[in-house]
């Protein structure tokens, strides 16, 4: 993707870094929910793992937008993506 953006005249590295920042912000925001879910199941972080998927849309101006997550980031509100 970065190479395709670079070839189109955009800074693919900058778009990728923006997506990394958005994903990191979402992970920080989701941490309390993940920890609460582990506590409800009497599990500790060392005994479990969670896979996350982040979906992005890159528009015609090469602006990355977060459009979805798995598990859903429904608790995250007011987060500028």
Protein backbone atom coordinates (compact mmCIF):
# COMPACT_ATOMS: atom_id res chain seq x y z
CA UNK A 1 0.00 0.00 0.00
CA UNK A 2 2.78 2.42 0.88
CA UNK A 3 4.45 1.83 -2.47
CA UNK A 4 1.18 2.39 -4.34
CA UNK A 5 0.61 5.66 -2.47
CA UNK A 6 4.19 6.74 -3.13
CA UNK A 7 3.79 5.97 -6.83
CA UNK A 8 0.61 8.06 -6.89
CA UNK A 9 2.54 11.02 -5.47
CA UNK A 10 1.48 10.69 -1.82
CA UNK A 11 3.62 10.06 1.24
CA UNK A 12 2.78 6.41 1.88
CA UNK A 13 4.93 6.36 5.01
CA UNK A 14 2.94 9.24 6.52
CA UNK A 15 -0.36 7.49 5.80
CA UNK A 16 0.95 4.29 7.41
CA UNK A 17 2.17 6.19 10.49
CA UNK A 18 -1.26 7.81 10.86
CA UNK A 19 -2.90 4.39 10.79
CA UNK A 20 -0.42 3.17 13.42
CA UNK A 21 -1.26 6.15 15.66
CA UNK A 22 -4.99 5.55 15.29
CA UNK A 23 -4.60 1.83 16.09
CA UNK A 24 -2.42 2.62 19.12
CA UNK A 25 -4.99 5.15 20.40
CA UNK A 26 -7.76 2.58 20.02
CA UNK A 27 -5.76 -0.07 21.86
CA UNK A 28 -5.13 2.32 24.74
CA UNK A 29 -8.84 3.16 24.86
CA UNK A 30 -9.86 -0.52 24.75
CA UNK A 31 -7.44 -1.65 27.45
CA UNK A 32 -9.84 -1.12 30.39
CA UNK A 33 -12.54 -3.19 28.64
CA UNK A 34 -10.10 -6.00 27.88
CA UNK A 35 -8.81 -6.02 31.46
CA UNK A 36 -12.39 -6.03 32.83
CA UNK A 37 -13.33 -8.95 30.58
CA UNK A 38 -10.29 -10.90 31.76
CA UNK A 39 -11.17 -10.17 35.40
CA UNK A 40 -14.77 -11.35 34.89
CA UNK A 41 -13.39 -14.65 33.61
CA UNK A 42 -10.81 -14.82 36.43
CA UNK A 43 -8.02 -14.71 33.88
CA UNK A 44 -4.75 -12.85 33.96
CA UNK A 45 -3.16 -11.22 30.96
CA UNK A 46 -0.36 -13.77 30.91
CA UNK A 47 -2.92 -16.55 30.45
CA UNK A 48 -4.86 -15.09 27.54
CA UNK A 49 -4.54 -13.10 24.38
CA UNK A 50 -6.88 -11.10 22.17
CA UNK A 51 -6.55 -10.52 18.47
CA UNK A 52 -7.51 -7.14 17.09
CA UNK A 53 -8.18 -6.08 13.54
CA UNK A 54 -8.43 -2.48 12.44
CA UNK A 55 -10.01 -1.52 9.14
CA UNK A 56 -9.06 1.72 7.42
CA UNK A 57 -10.27 3.59 4.40
CA UNK A 58 -7.78 5.75 2.54
CA UNK A 59 -9.65 8.42 0.61
CA UNK A 60 -8.71 10.17 -2.63
CA UNK A 61 -6.68 12.73 -0.64
CA UNK A 62 -4.67 9.92 1.02
CA UNK A 63 -6.33 10.54 4.39
CA UNK A 64 -6.60 7.37 6.49
CA UNK A 65 -9.87 6.93 8.36
CA UNK A 66 -10.67 4.21 10.87
CA UNK A 67 -13.85 2.51 9.67
CA UNK A 68 -14.06 -0.57 11.85
CA UNK A 69 -12.47 -2.87 14.37
CA UNK A 70 -12.72 -6.43 15.50
CA UNK A 71 -13.68 -6.64 18.28
CA UNK A 72 -15.82 -3.50 17.80
CA UNK A 73 -14.46 -0.36 19.42
CA UNK A 74 -17.99 0.69 20.41
CA UNK A 75 -16.87 2.06 23.76
CA UNK A 76 -14.52 4.54 22.11
CA UNK A 77 -16.33 7.83 21.66
CA UNK A 78 -15.02 11.26 20.84
CA UNK A 79 -11.79 9.78 19.49
CA UNK A 80 -10.64 11.78 16.51
CA UNK A 81 -9.61 9.34 13.81
